[in-house]
Each structure stands twice: as structure tokens, then as C-alpha cells.
Amino acid sequence: MLYRINPKTGDKFSALGFGAMRLPLNADGSINEESASEIVHKLIDAGVNYIDTAYDYHFGESETFLGRALAGGYRDKVFLATKLPSWHVEKTEDMEKILDEQLKRLNTDRIDYYMLIALSESRWEKLFNLGVLDFLAAEKSRGRIRHVGFSFHGTFELFKKILDSYDWDLCQIQYNYLDEKFQAGSKGLEYAAKKGIGVSVMMPLRGGHLADRMPADIAGIFKE
């Protein structure tokens, strides 16, 4: 397994992480925990050490599943990231309530990387005005959050504005060989690097579409 150092925190991440947004499903749409747990355990045993989830993934069941799957010593082998959804926050107190629930779901006493999810102009302004930065600082002091970051879907200009607004430890952008100029894109990647802030990539295969819907001649090149 290849590893990369987060320049901001010194944490040593596996180059490939695991996102728990699209887990194997049963016929009724629930998570197939046997298959999903097998995947998680095999990945960690192979050296993957970054696990990413969020409050609403799989209708709230992704975090609960990981709380069970990471039992038996696996939790301490990974950096665990989850996210705060602005659309569930109407007042400052909601942030603490959501984090309380996430810690319980994940069966852990701390989140390694706590992210503000899918920030847009309106979502960032809402959380900022509700005191999210004070909340993050307080929870870091309590030890319930180790590091803070955000995931992003918006323009480079907004990405730069948010990145300059706080002492972030990690940012997450959509990036793949088709999306170099989409949203934050390569410019955002380079700007974060100049500031010494770690970057994690979501949608490297566009949710699988770049892997399972390729023309036959292109797929043949990948198989070679």
C-alpha cells in the first residue's frame, strides 16, 4: 500500500481510502452487513487506513454499520472521518446533538476528521453565522474531534474563500480525469497544496461511472 502524509497534521494516510456511501445492499435496500463488513476488513488488513462516511449516508445507517464493522480492534487501525450536515442544523445546539449521535452510532469516543459536508455559499454562511467555528474549536479542545475539514461542491472562488476562512486540517473535493476544471478542480487542489492543507478526493471514478460504463476499446486498455 502506498501512503501519503497530510502536510497539516502529519497523519500518514493510505493513498486509497474507503468511502461508505455506496455499500452492498440487500434486496430491500438495507446494507448487506456481511458483505460490507468483509470488504471493510479486507481493505484494512491490506493497509487502507482512511474511512469516510457521513450522517445521512444510507439513510443514516452507514455510521451505525461502521460502528459495528470497526469493532474488534479495527477502529484503532484507521482514521475515521464523518460529516456535519448543515440542513439538519437550525440552531447552534443542533451541532452538538448531531455529534453526540454520530459518536454513539460509530461506537467511538472521537472523530479523527470532522468535516462540514458539501459546502455551498448558503450552507457555509448558515453554519458560520450559527458559530460553527467556535463549535469545532470547542470540540477539538474536548478531544471529541481531532481534526477539522470540509467537503465541497462549488466554484473555485468560493473554495478559496472558505479555505482562507479557518485553519483547516483537510478539505475534500471532487476530482478525476474528467473533472480537472469542474468545481474546485486542479486550481483548488494546487491552492490547498500551497497552503499546506491536506486534500482527500471524492468521486475519483464518479461513483463508478468511469469504471463500469466505458466503451469496450477503452475498457480493454484499462484491463491491459
C-alpha atoms as a PDB file:
ATOM      1  CA  MET A   1       0.000   0.000   0.000  1.00  0.00           C
ATOM      2  CA  LEU A   2       1.202   3.488  -0.856  1.00  0.00           C
ATOM      3  CA  TYR A   3       0.850   6.199   1.766  1.00  0.00           C
ATOM      4  CA  ARG A   4       0.711   9.979   1.750  1.00  0.00           C
ATOM      5  CA  ILE A   5       1.433  12.388   4.593  1.00  0.00           C
ATOM      6  CA  ASN A   6      -1.176  15.019   5.407  1.00  0.00           C
ATOM      7  CA  PRO A   7       1.123  18.069   5.495  1.00  0.00           C
ATOM      8  CA  LYS A   8      -1.075  19.833   8.033  1.00  0.00           C
ATOM      9  CA  THR A   9      -1.355  17.075  10.652  1.00  0.00           C
ATOM     10  CA  GLY A  10       1.434  14.639   9.860  1.00  0.00           C
ATOM     11  CA  ASP A  11      -1.041  11.767   9.648  1.00  0.00           C
ATOM     12  CA  LYS A  12       0.034   9.008   7.274  1.00  0.00           C
ATOM     13  CA  PHE A  13      -2.925   8.156   5.012  1.00  0.00           C
ATOM     14  CA  SER A  14      -3.204   5.219   2.664  1.00  0.00           C
ATOM     15  CA  ALA A  15      -3.309   6.554  -0.901  1.00  0.00           C
ATOM     16  CA  LEU A  16      -6.649   4.791  -1.316  1.00  0.00           C
ATOM     17  CA  GLY A  17      -9.365   5.381   1.238  1.00  0.00           C
ATOM     18  CA  PHE A  18     -12.774   3.794   1.668  1.00  0.00           C
ATOM     19  CA  GLY A  19     -15.995   5.749   1.268  1.00  0.00           C
ATOM     20  CA  ALA A  20     -19.051   4.272   2.976  1.00  0.00           C
ATOM     21  CA  MET A  21     -21.644   5.993   0.801  1.00  0.00           C
ATOM     22  CA  ARG A  22     -22.350   3.100  -1.578  1.00  0.00           C
ATOM     23  CA  LEU A  23     -22.221  -0.134   0.407  1.00  0.00           C
ATOM     24  CA  PRO A  24     -23.526  -3.533  -0.778  1.00  0.00           C
ATOM     25  CA  LEU A  25     -27.291  -3.792  -0.358  1.00  0.00           C
ATOM     26  CA  ASN A  26     -29.891  -6.415   0.392  1.00  0.00           C
ATOM     27  CA  ALA A  27     -32.961  -6.766  -1.813  1.00  0.00           C
ATOM     28  CA  ASP A  28     -34.904  -4.429   0.482  1.00  0.00           C
ATOM     29  CA  GLY A  29     -32.307  -1.675   0.152  1.00  0.00           C
ATOM     30  CA  SER A  30     -30.743  -2.162   3.584  1.00  0.00           C
ATOM     31  CA  ILE A  31     -26.992  -2.575   3.987  1.00  0.00           C
ATOM     32  CA  ASN A  32     -25.758  -6.122   3.464  1.00  0.00           C
ATOM     33  CA  GLU A  33     -23.619  -6.065   6.566  1.00  0.00           C
ATOM     34  CA  GLU A  34     -21.953  -9.415   5.957  1.00  0.00           C
ATOM     35  CA  SER A  35     -20.643  -8.382   2.542  1.00  0.00           C
ATOM     36  CA  ALA A  36     -19.874  -4.818   3.597  1.00  0.00           C
ATOM     37  CA  SER A  37     -18.002  -5.930   6.719  1.00  0.00           C
ATOM     38  CA  GLU A  38     -15.937  -8.365   4.679  1.00  0.00           C
ATOM     39  CA  ILE A  39     -14.930  -5.542   2.334  1.00  0.00           C
ATOM     40  CA  VAL A  40     -14.026  -3.198   5.188  1.00  0.00           C
ATOM     41  CA  HIS A  41     -11.965  -5.825   6.994  1.00  0.00           C
ATOM     42  CA  LYS A  42     -10.105  -6.930   3.862  1.00  0.00           C
ATOM     43  CA  LEU A  43      -9.248  -3.337   2.978  1.00  0.00           C
ATOM     44  CA  ILE A  44      -7.955  -2.533   6.451  1.00  0.00           C
ATOM     45  CA  ASP A  45      -5.991  -5.788   6.559  1.00  0.00           C
ATOM     46  CA  ALA A  46      -4.434  -4.744   3.225  1.00  0.00           C
ATOM     47  CA  GLY A  47      -3.338  -1.385   4.638  1.00  0.00           C
ATOM     48  CA  VAL A  48      -6.216   1.012   3.905  1.00  0.00           C
ATOM     49  CA  ASN A  49      -6.476   3.321   6.906  1.00  0.00           C
ATOM     50  CA  TYR A  50      -8.835   6.153   5.911  1.00  0.00           C
ATOM     51  CA  ILE A  51     -12.591   5.535   6.261  1.00  0.00           C
ATOM     52  CA  ASP A  52     -15.069   8.216   5.197  1.00  0.00           C
ATOM     53  CA  THR A  53     -18.783   8.374   5.995  1.00  0.00           C
ATOM     54  CA  ALA A  54     -21.470  10.951   6.787  1.00  0.00           C
ATOM     55  CA  TYR A  55     -24.572  11.447   8.905  1.00  0.00           C
ATOM     56  CA  ASP A  56     -27.050  10.784   6.076  1.00  0.00           C
ATOM     57  CA  TYR A  57     -25.276   8.074   4.080  1.00  0.00           C
ATOM     58  CA  HIS A  58     -27.548   5.060   3.605  1.00  0.00           C
ATOM     59  CA  PHE A  59     -30.366   6.978   5.316  1.00  0.00           C
ATOM     60  CA  GLY A  60     -28.312   7.260   8.487  1.00  0.00           C
ATOM     61  CA  GLU A  61     -27.265   3.606   8.623  1.00  0.00           C
ATOM     62  CA  SER A  62     -23.716   3.956   7.270  1.00  0.00           C
ATOM     63  CA  GLU A  63     -22.332   5.314  10.531  1.00  0.00           C
ATOM     64  CA  THR A  64     -24.176   2.674  12.563  1.00  0.00           C
ATOM     65  CA  PHE A  65     -22.837  -0.076  10.317  1.00  0.00           C
ATOM     66  CA  LEU A  66     -19.274   1.189  10.674  1.00  0.00           C
ATOM     67  CA  GLY A  67     -19.672   1.289  14.431  1.00  0.00           C
ATOM     68  CA  ARG A  68     -20.186  -2.465  14.308  1.00  0.00           C
ATOM     69  CA  ALA A  69     -17.757  -3.237  11.475  1.00  0.00           C
ATOM     70  CA  LEU A  70     -14.865  -1.440  13.164  1.00  0.00           C
ATOM     71  CA  ALA A  71     -15.253  -3.332  16.433  1.00  0.00           C
ATOM     72  CA  GLY A  72     -12.700  -5.930  17.443  1.00  0.00           C
ATOM     73  CA  GLY A  73      -9.692  -3.654  17.104  1.00  0.00           C
ATOM     74  CA  TYR A  74     -10.321  -2.261  13.621  1.00  0.00           C
ATOM     75  CA  ARG A  75     -11.310   1.198  14.853  1.00  0.00           C
ATOM     76  CA  ASP A  76      -7.822   1.919  16.161  1.00  0.00           C
ATOM     77  CA  LYS A  77      -6.274   0.967  12.816  1.00  0.00           C
ATOM     78  CA  VAL A  78      -7.965   3.743  10.835  1.00  0.00           C
ATOM     79  CA  PHE A  79      -8.504   7.460  10.572  1.00  0.00           C
ATOM     80  CA  LEU A  80     -12.276   7.857  10.755  1.00  0.00           C
ATOM     81  CA  ALA A  81     -13.970  10.782   9.032  1.00  0.00           C
ATOM     82  CA  THR A  82     -17.609  11.788   9.160  1.00  0.00           C
ATOM     83  CA  LYS A  83     -19.523  14.941   8.356  1.00  0.00           C
ATOM     84  CA  LEU A  84     -21.870  17.551   9.809  1.00  0.00           C
ATOM     85  CA  PRO A  85     -24.919  18.221   7.567  1.00  0.00           C
ATOM     86  CA  SER A  86     -25.953  21.882   7.537  1.00  0.00           C
ATOM     87  CA  TRP A  87     -29.516  21.005   6.515  1.00  0.00           C
ATOM     88  CA  HIS A  88     -30.107  19.358   9.904  1.00  0.00           C
ATOM     89  CA  VAL A  89     -28.801  22.385  11.802  1.00  0.00           C
ATOM     90  CA  GLU A  90     -31.263  25.140  12.718  1.00  0.00           C
ATOM     91  CA  LYS A  91     -29.627  26.404  15.910  1.00  0.00           C
ATOM     92  CA  THR A  92     -26.195  26.217  17.484  1.00  0.00           C
ATOM     93  CA  GLU A  93     -27.201  23.458  19.907  1.00  0.00           C
ATOM     94  CA  ASP A  94     -28.068  21.149  16.996  1.00  0.00           C
ATOM     95  CA  MET A  95     -24.382  20.754  16.125  1.00  0.00           C
ATOM     96  CA  GLU A  96     -23.546  19.204  19.483  1.00  0.00           C
ATOM     97  CA  LYS A  97     -26.631  16.969  19.370  1.00  0.00           C
ATOM     98  CA  ILE A  98     -25.652  15.661  15.947  1.00  0.00           C
ATOM     99  CA  LEU A  99     -22.068  14.989  17.025  1.00  0.00           C
ATOM    100  CA  ASP A 100     -23.355  13.195  20.139  1.00  0.00           C
ATOM    101  CA  GLU A 101     -25.439  10.937  17.918  1.00  0.00           C
ATOM    102  CA  GLN A 102     -22.595  10.311  15.482  1.00  0.00           C
ATOM    103  CA  LEU A 103     -20.214   9.252  18.253  1.00  0.00           C
ATOM    104  CA  LYS A 104     -22.857   6.850  19.527  1.00  0.00           C
ATOM    105  CA  ARG A 105     -23.572   5.445  16.064  1.00  0.00           C
ATOM    106  CA  LEU A 106     -19.876   4.991  15.323  1.00  0.00           C
ATOM    107  CA  ASN A 107     -19.215   3.455  18.739  1.00  0.00           C
ATOM    108  CA  THR A 108     -16.227   5.707  19.310  1.00  0.00           C
ATOM    109  CA  ASP A 109     -15.120   8.485  21.626  1.00  0.00           C
ATOM    110  CA  ARG A 110     -13.552  10.666  18.940  1.00  0.00           C
ATOM    111  CA  ILE A 111     -13.764  11.543  15.264  1.00  0.00           C
ATOM    112  CA  ASP A 112     -10.367  11.811  13.607  1.00  0.00           C
ATOM    113  CA  TYR A 113     -11.551  14.147  10.836  1.00  0.00           C
ATOM    114  CA  TYR A 114     -14.829  16.001  11.297  1.00  0.00           C
ATOM    115  CA  MET A 115     -15.996  17.600   8.069  1.00  0.00           C
ATOM    116  CA  LEU A 116     -18.628  20.149   7.119  1.00  0.00           C
ATOM    117  CA  ILE A 117     -20.369  18.386   4.268  1.00  0.00           C
ATOM    118  CA  ALA A 118     -20.982  19.638   0.720  1.00  0.00           C
ATOM    119  CA  LEU A 119     -20.429  23.311   1.412  1.00  0.00           C
ATOM    120  CA  SER A 120     -22.054  25.863  -0.856  1.00  0.00           C
ATOM    121  CA  GLU A 121     -22.288  29.620  -0.362  1.00  0.00           C
ATOM    122  CA  SER A 122     -25.581  29.393   1.545  1.00  0.00           C
ATOM    123  CA  ARG A 123     -24.573  26.375   3.635  1.00  0.00           C
ATOM    124  CA  TRP A 124     -21.273  27.957   4.630  1.00  0.00           C
ATOM    125  CA  GLU A 125     -22.928  31.240   5.590  1.00  0.00           C
ATOM    126  CA  LYS A 126     -25.582  29.416   7.620  1.00  0.00           C
ATOM    127  CA  LEU A 127     -23.076  27.396   9.626  1.00  0.00           C
ATOM    128  CA  PHE A 128     -20.694  30.328  10.006  1.00  0.00           C
ATOM    129  CA  ASN A 129     -23.458  32.559  11.381  1.00  0.00           C
ATOM    130  CA  LEU A 130     -24.501  29.825  13.822  1.00  0.00           C
ATOM    131  CA  GLY A 131     -20.979  29.716  15.246  1.00  0.00           C
ATOM    132  CA  VAL A 132     -19.685  26.524  13.681  1.00  0.00           C
ATOM    133  CA  LEU A 133     -16.047  27.593  14.017  1.00  0.00           C
ATOM    134  CA  ASP A 134     -16.430  28.088  17.758  1.00  0.00           C
ATOM    135  CA  PHE A 135     -18.177  24.711  17.940  1.00  0.00           C
ATOM    136  CA  LEU A 136     -15.321  22.975  16.123  1.00  0.00           C
ATOM    137  CA  ALA A 137     -12.705  24.631  18.333  1.00  0.00           C
ATOM    138  CA  ALA A 138     -14.597  23.638  21.480  1.00  0.00           C
ATOM    139  CA  GLU A 139     -14.969  20.017  20.397  1.00  0.00           C
ATOM    140  CA  LYS A 140     -11.288  19.833  19.490  1.00  0.00           C
ATOM    141  CA  SER A 141     -10.476  21.052  22.992  1.00  0.00           C
ATOM    142  CA  ARG A 142     -12.754  18.373  24.440  1.00  0.00           C
ATOM    143  CA  GLY A 143     -10.973  15.716  22.385  1.00  0.00           C
ATOM    144  CA  ARG A 144     -14.110  14.545  20.615  1.00  0.00           C
ATOM    145  CA  ILE A 145     -12.771  15.897  17.320  1.00  0.00           C
ATOM    146  CA  ARG A 146      -9.095  15.575  16.409  1.00  0.00           C
ATOM    147  CA  HIS A 147      -9.021  17.491  13.133  1.00  0.00           C
ATOM    148  CA  VAL A 148     -11.494  19.535  11.096  1.00  0.00           C
ATOM    149  CA  GLY A 149     -12.238  19.978   7.433  1.00  0.00           C
ATOM    150  CA  PHE A 150     -14.944  20.326   4.820  1.00  0.00           C
ATOM    151  CA  SER A 151     -16.168  18.692   1.641  1.00  0.00           C
ATOM    152  CA  PHE A 152     -17.015  20.938  -1.260  1.00  0.00           C
ATOM    153  CA  HIS A 153     -19.208  21.281  -4.344  1.00  0.00           C
ATOM    154  CA  GLY A 154     -18.930  24.786  -5.761  1.00  0.00           C
ATOM    155  CA  THR A 155     -16.745  27.233  -7.632  1.00  0.00           C
ATOM    156  CA  PHE A 156     -13.028  27.688  -7.155  1.00  0.00           C
ATOM    157  CA  GLU A 157     -13.645  31.244  -5.927  1.00  0.00           C
ATOM    158  CA  LEU A 158     -15.890  30.001  -3.108  1.00  0.00           C
ATOM    159  CA  PHE A 159     -13.469  27.177  -2.325  1.00  0.00           C
ATOM    160  CA  LYS A 160     -10.664  29.711  -1.921  1.00  0.00           C
ATOM    161  CA  LYS A 161     -12.854  31.922   0.290  1.00  0.00           C
ATOM    162  CA  ILE A 162     -13.738  29.048   2.627  1.00  0.00           C
ATOM    163  CA  LEU A 163     -10.192  27.696   2.692  1.00  0.00           C
ATOM    164  CA  ASP A 164      -8.923  31.124   3.748  1.00  0.00           C
ATOM    165  CA  SER A 165     -11.579  31.482   6.474  1.00  0.00           C
ATOM    166  CA  TYR A 166     -10.220  28.998   9.011  1.00  0.00           C
ATOM    167  CA  ASP A 167      -7.224  26.914   9.987  1.00  0.00           C
ATOM    168  CA  TRP A 168      -8.459  23.740   8.268  1.00  0.00           C
ATOM    169  CA  ASP A 169      -6.704  20.379   8.513  1.00  0.00           C
ATOM    170  CA  LEU A 170      -8.275  18.724   5.463  1.00  0.00           C
ATOM    171  CA  CYS A 171     -10.501  19.528   2.513  1.00  0.00           C
ATOM    172  CA  GLN A 172     -12.328  17.135   0.225  1.00  0.00           C
ATOM    173  CA  ILE A 173     -13.018  17.864  -3.439  1.00  0.00           C
ATOM    174  CA  GLN A 174     -14.477  16.020  -6.396  1.00  0.00           C
ATOM    175  CA  TYR A 175     -11.612  15.179  -8.727  1.00  0.00           C
ATOM    176  CA  ASN A 176     -10.927  12.720 -11.534  1.00  0.00           C
ATOM    177  CA  TYR A 177      -9.614  12.798 -15.074  1.00  0.00           C
ATOM    178  CA  LEU A 178     -12.850  14.365 -16.353  1.00  0.00           C
ATOM    179  CA  ASP A 179     -13.243  16.894 -13.553  1.00  0.00           C
ATOM    180  CA  GLU A 180      -9.939  18.753 -13.611  1.00  0.00           C
ATOM    181  CA  LYS A 181     -11.761  22.030 -14.321  1.00  0.00           C
ATOM    182  CA  PHE A 182     -15.019  21.191 -12.517  1.00  0.00           C
ATOM    183  CA  GLN A 183     -15.866  22.834  -9.191  1.00  0.00           C
ATOM    184  CA  ALA A 184     -12.642  23.414  -7.196  1.00  0.00           C
ATOM    185  CA  GLY A 185     -10.721  21.333  -9.732  1.00  0.00           C
ATOM    186  CA  SER A 186      -6.988  21.448 -10.292  1.00  0.00           C
ATOM    187  CA  LYS A 187      -6.837  25.092  -9.223  1.00  0.00           C
ATOM    188  CA  GLY A 188      -8.337  24.185  -5.858  1.00  0.00           C
ATOM    189  CA  LEU A 189      -6.022  21.222  -5.460  1.00  0.00           C
ATOM    190  CA  GLU A 190      -2.996  23.400  -6.137  1.00  0.00           C
ATOM    191  CA  TYR A 191      -4.209  26.196  -3.862  1.00  0.00           C
ATOM    192  CA  ALA A 192      -4.726  23.817  -0.931  1.00  0.00           C
ATOM    193  CA  ALA A 193      -1.269  22.370  -1.542  1.00  0.00           C
ATOM    194  CA  LYS A 194       0.293  25.842  -1.439  1.00  0.00           C
ATOM    195  CA  LYS A 195      -1.384  26.447   1.926  1.00  0.00           C
ATOM    196  CA  GLY A 196      -0.149  23.113   3.252  1.00  0.00           C
ATOM    197  CA  ILE A 197      -3.658  21.732   3.764  1.00  0.00           C
ATOM    198  CA  GLY A 198      -4.363  18.058   3.164  1.00  0.00           C
ATOM    199  CA  VAL A 199      -6.720  17.062   0.342  1.00  0.00           C
ATOM    200  CA  SER A 200      -8.844  13.956   0.048  1.00  0.00           C
ATOM    201  CA  VAL A 201     -10.549  13.165  -3.241  1.00  0.00           C
ATOM    202  CA  MET A 202     -14.138  12.052  -3.609  1.00  0.00           C
ATOM    203  CA  MET A 203     -15.666  10.663  -6.782  1.00  0.00           C
ATOM    204  CA  PRO A 204     -12.332   9.521  -8.296  1.00  0.00           C
ATOM    205  CA  LEU A 205     -14.399   7.228 -10.529  1.00  0.00           C
ATOM    206  CA  ARG A 206     -17.558   9.388 -10.491  1.00  0.00           C
ATOM    207  CA  GLY A 207     -19.450   6.932  -8.349  1.00  0.00           C
ATOM    208  CA  GLY A 208     -18.262   4.031 -10.503  1.00  0.00           C
ATOM    209  CA  HIS A 209     -19.404   5.503 -13.825  1.00  0.00           C
ATOM    210  CA  LEU A 210     -15.841   5.889 -15.075  1.00  0.00           C
ATOM    211  CA  ALA A 211     -15.213   2.210 -14.374  1.00  0.00           C
ATOM    212  CA  ASP A 212     -18.366   0.377 -15.444  1.00  0.00           C
ATOM    213  CA  ARG A 213     -19.629   2.376 -18.430  1.00  0.00           C
ATOM    214  CA  MET A 214     -16.533   2.717 -20.572  1.00  0.00           C
ATOM    215  CA  PRO A 215     -16.563   1.884 -24.288  1.00  0.00           C
ATOM    216  CA  ALA A 216     -15.194  -1.597 -24.933  1.00  0.00           C
ATOM    217  CA  ASP A 217     -11.995  -0.344 -26.568  1.00  0.00           C
ATOM    218  CA  ILE A 218     -11.234   1.943 -23.613  1.00  0.00           C
ATOM    219  CA  ALA A 219     -12.081  -0.771 -21.089  1.00  0.00           C
ATOM    220  CA  GLY A 220      -9.614  -3.027 -22.872  1.00  0.00           C
ATOM    221  CA  ILE A 221      -6.814  -0.532 -22.281  1.00  0.00           C
ATOM    222  CA  PHE A 222      -7.554  -0.477 -18.550  1.00  0.00           C
ATOM    223  CA  LYS A 223      -7.621  -4.281 -18.398  1.00  0.00           C
ATOM    224  CA  GLU A 224      -4.199  -4.436 -20.022  1.00  0.00           C
END
